[in-house]
Amino acid sequence: MLRRHHHKLITAATIAAGLTLLSGCADKPGSKEWCEQMSAKSKGEWTGDEAKIYAAHCVFESTTIGSEAWCDKLKATPKGEWTTQEVADYAKHCLVGRGTD
């Protein structure tokens, strides 16, 4: 009897661990892959949070200070054309915030 109970616990733990590992493979909300998946999904199936994340990261990302797209766009701009604020924001978000560049 104890052996059967022990077997059920091990089976349940194995299934739980497998599900945890599979959920770790999901694309991070706001990532390029996630945005592509959301674009393919019917907008009627989106949650309110998904719509907000999509708008912030998939539509407006290039205008969000500190986003990867914003950093790349500014990096491609001649430094002589940067404003003082852009220099400060670039240093804060693109260099210090990411650790390297």
C-alpha atoms as a PDB file:
ATOM      1  CA  MET A   1       0.000   0.000   0.000  1.00  0.00           C
ATOM      2  CA  LEU A   2       2.775   2.441   0.942  1.00  0.00           C
ATOM      3  CA  ARG A   3       4.665   1.467  -2.197  1.00  0.00           C
ATOM      4  CA  ARG A   4       1.670   2.305  -4.423  1.00  0.00           C
ATOM      5  CA  HIS A   5       1.237   5.708  -2.715  1.00  0.00           C
ATOM      6  CA  HIS A   6       4.958   6.388  -3.127  1.00  0.00           C
ATOM      7  CA  HIS A   7       4.729   5.512  -6.840  1.00  0.00           C
ATOM      8  CA  LYS A   8       1.813   7.930  -7.323  1.00  0.00           C
ATOM      9  CA  LEU A   9       3.749  10.727  -5.627  1.00  0.00           C
ATOM     10  CA  ILE A  10       6.775  10.148  -7.837  1.00  0.00           C
ATOM     11  CA  THR A  11       4.588  10.091 -10.950  1.00  0.00           C
ATOM     12  CA  ALA A  12       2.856  13.328  -9.940  1.00  0.00           C
ATOM     13  CA  ALA A  13       6.194  15.013  -9.182  1.00  0.00           C
ATOM     14  CA  THR A  14       7.595  13.918 -12.549  1.00  0.00           C
ATOM     15  CA  ILE A  15       4.584  15.305 -14.409  1.00  0.00           C
ATOM     16  CA  ALA A  16       4.774  18.590 -12.478  1.00  0.00           C
ATOM     17  CA  ALA A  17       8.488  18.921 -13.237  1.00  0.00           C
ATOM     18  CA  GLY A  18       7.863  18.253 -16.933  1.00  0.00           C
ATOM     19  CA  LEU A  19       5.149  20.893 -17.120  1.00  0.00           C
ATOM     20  CA  THR A  20       7.404  23.394 -15.361  1.00  0.00           C
ATOM     21  CA  LEU A  21      10.168  22.762 -17.881  1.00  0.00           C
ATOM     22  CA  LEU A  22       7.801  23.132 -20.817  1.00  0.00           C
ATOM     23  CA  SER A  23       6.400  26.413 -19.525  1.00  0.00           C
ATOM     24  CA  GLY A  24       9.962  27.731 -19.286  1.00  0.00           C
ATOM     25  CA  CYS A  25      10.215  27.423 -23.062  1.00  0.00           C
ATOM     26  CA  ALA A  26       7.380  29.871 -23.716  1.00  0.00           C
ATOM     27  CA  ASP A  27       8.413  33.106 -25.375  1.00  0.00           C
ATOM     28  CA  LYS A  28       8.776  36.049 -23.040  1.00  0.00           C
ATOM     29  CA  PRO A  29       5.938  38.566 -23.430  1.00  0.00           C
ATOM     30  CA  GLY A  30       7.219  41.494 -25.465  1.00  0.00           C
ATOM     31  CA  SER A  31       9.938  39.487 -27.213  1.00  0.00           C
ATOM     32  CA  LYS A  32      10.132  39.455 -31.003  1.00  0.00           C
ATOM     33  CA  GLU A  33       8.899  35.859 -31.117  1.00  0.00           C
ATOM     34  CA  TRP A  34       5.999  36.637 -28.770  1.00  0.00           C
ATOM     35  CA  CYS A  35       5.007  39.642 -30.902  1.00  0.00           C
ATOM     36  CA  GLU A  36       4.990  37.447 -34.008  1.00  0.00           C
ATOM     37  CA  GLN A  37       2.801  34.861 -32.258  1.00  0.00           C
ATOM     38  CA  MET A  38       0.377  37.553 -31.094  1.00  0.00           C
ATOM     39  CA  SER A  39       0.195  39.040 -34.594  1.00  0.00           C
ATOM     40  CA  ALA A  40      -0.887  35.654 -35.912  1.00  0.00           C
ATOM     41  CA  LYS A  41      -3.458  35.202 -33.129  1.00  0.00           C
ATOM     42  CA  SER A  42      -6.980  36.599 -33.465  1.00  0.00           C
ATOM     43  CA  LYS A  43      -7.209  39.889 -31.582  1.00  0.00           C
ATOM     44  CA  GLY A  44     -10.509  38.696 -30.113  1.00  0.00           C
ATOM     45  CA  GLU A  45      -8.513  36.048 -28.223  1.00  0.00           C
ATOM     46  CA  TRP A  46      -6.125  38.550 -26.607  1.00  0.00           C
ATOM     47  CA  THR A  47      -6.395  39.429 -22.939  1.00  0.00           C
ATOM     48  CA  GLY A  48      -6.239  43.053 -21.832  1.00  0.00           C
ATOM     49  CA  ASP A  49      -2.716  42.520 -20.516  1.00  0.00           C
ATOM     50  CA  GLU A  50      -1.603  40.971 -23.796  1.00  0.00           C
ATOM     51  CA  ALA A  51      -2.963  43.976 -25.700  1.00  0.00           C
ATOM     52  CA  LYS A  52      -1.058  46.384 -23.433  1.00  0.00           C
ATOM     53  CA  ILE A  53       2.181  44.424 -23.753  1.00  0.00           C
ATOM     54  CA  TYR A  54       1.729  44.166 -27.515  1.00  0.00           C
ATOM     55  CA  ALA A  55       1.203  47.902 -27.846  1.00  0.00           C
ATOM     56  CA  ALA A  56       4.176  48.738 -25.661  1.00  0.00           C
ATOM     57  CA  HIS A  57       6.668  46.281 -27.135  1.00  0.00           C
ATOM     58  CA  CYS A  58       5.473  45.305 -30.578  1.00  0.00           C
ATOM     59  CA  VAL A  59       4.042  48.580 -31.896  1.00  0.00           C
ATOM     60  CA  PHE A  60       5.786  51.374 -30.048  1.00  0.00           C
ATOM     61  CA  GLU A  61       9.082  49.700 -29.137  1.00  0.00           C
ATOM     62  CA  SER A  62      11.194  51.802 -31.483  1.00  0.00           C
ATOM     63  CA  THR A  63       9.998  54.935 -29.690  1.00  0.00           C
ATOM     64  CA  THR A  64      10.414  53.550 -26.170  1.00  0.00           C
ATOM     65  CA  ILE A  65      13.571  55.024 -24.677  1.00  0.00           C
ATOM     66  CA  GLY A  66      15.894  52.229 -23.709  1.00  0.00           C
ATOM     67  CA  SER A  67      14.324  49.561 -25.919  1.00  0.00           C
ATOM     68  CA  GLU A  68      16.700  47.540 -28.061  1.00  0.00           C
ATOM     69  CA  ALA A  69      15.253  49.115 -31.212  1.00  0.00           C
ATOM     70  CA  TRP A  70      15.665  52.618 -29.766  1.00  0.00           C
ATOM     71  CA  CYS A  71      19.281  51.898 -28.774  1.00  0.00           C
ATOM     72  CA  ASP A  72      20.049  50.464 -32.225  1.00  0.00           C
ATOM     73  CA  LYS A  73      18.418  53.412 -33.993  1.00  0.00           C
ATOM     74  CA  LEU A  74      20.331  55.953 -31.911  1.00  0.00           C
ATOM     75  CA  LYS A  75      23.579  54.035 -32.305  1.00  0.00           C
ATOM     76  CA  ALA A  76      23.155  54.277 -36.097  1.00  0.00           C
ATOM     77  CA  THR A  77      22.661  58.061 -35.838  1.00  0.00           C
ATOM     78  CA  PRO A  78      25.867  60.147 -36.051  1.00  0.00           C
ATOM     79  CA  LYS A  79      26.820  61.129 -32.491  1.00  0.00           C
ATOM     80  CA  GLY A  80      27.086  64.776 -33.525  1.00  0.00           C
ATOM     81  CA  GLU A  81      23.312  64.756 -34.083  1.00  0.00           C
ATOM     82  CA  TRP A  82      22.451  63.400 -30.608  1.00  0.00           C
ATOM     83  CA  THR A  83      20.849  65.734 -28.093  1.00  0.00           C
ATOM     84  CA  THR A  84      22.275  66.003 -24.586  1.00  0.00           C
ATOM     85  CA  GLN A  85      19.264  64.054 -23.301  1.00  0.00           C
ATOM     86  CA  GLU A  86      19.805  61.306 -25.879  1.00  0.00           C
ATOM     87  CA  VAL A  87      23.434  60.965 -24.769  1.00  0.00           C
ATOM     88  CA  ALA A  88      22.316  60.603 -21.139  1.00  0.00           C
ATOM     89  CA  ASP A  89      19.508  58.167 -22.009  1.00  0.00           C
ATOM     90  CA  TYR A  90      21.791  56.091 -24.227  1.00  0.00           C
ATOM     91  CA  ALA A  91      24.416  55.838 -21.487  1.00  0.00           C
ATOM     92  CA  LYS A  92      21.814  54.952 -18.871  1.00  0.00           C
ATOM     93  CA  HIS A  93      19.679  52.488 -20.822  1.00  0.00           C
ATOM     94  CA  CYS A  94      21.861  51.112 -23.603  1.00  0.00           C
ATOM     95  CA  LEU A  95      25.260  50.899 -21.933  1.00  0.00           C
ATOM     96  CA  VAL A  96      24.797  50.697 -18.165  1.00  0.00           C
ATOM     97  CA  GLY A  97      21.397  48.999 -18.320  1.00  0.00           C
ATOM     98  CA  ARG A  98      22.639  46.246 -20.639  1.00  0.00           C
ATOM     99  CA  GLY A  99      26.090  45.926 -19.158  1.00  0.00           C
ATOM    100  CA  THR A 100      27.981  46.114 -22.476  1.00  0.00           C
ATOM    101  CA  ASP A 101      27.971  47.637 -25.899  1.00  0.00           C
END
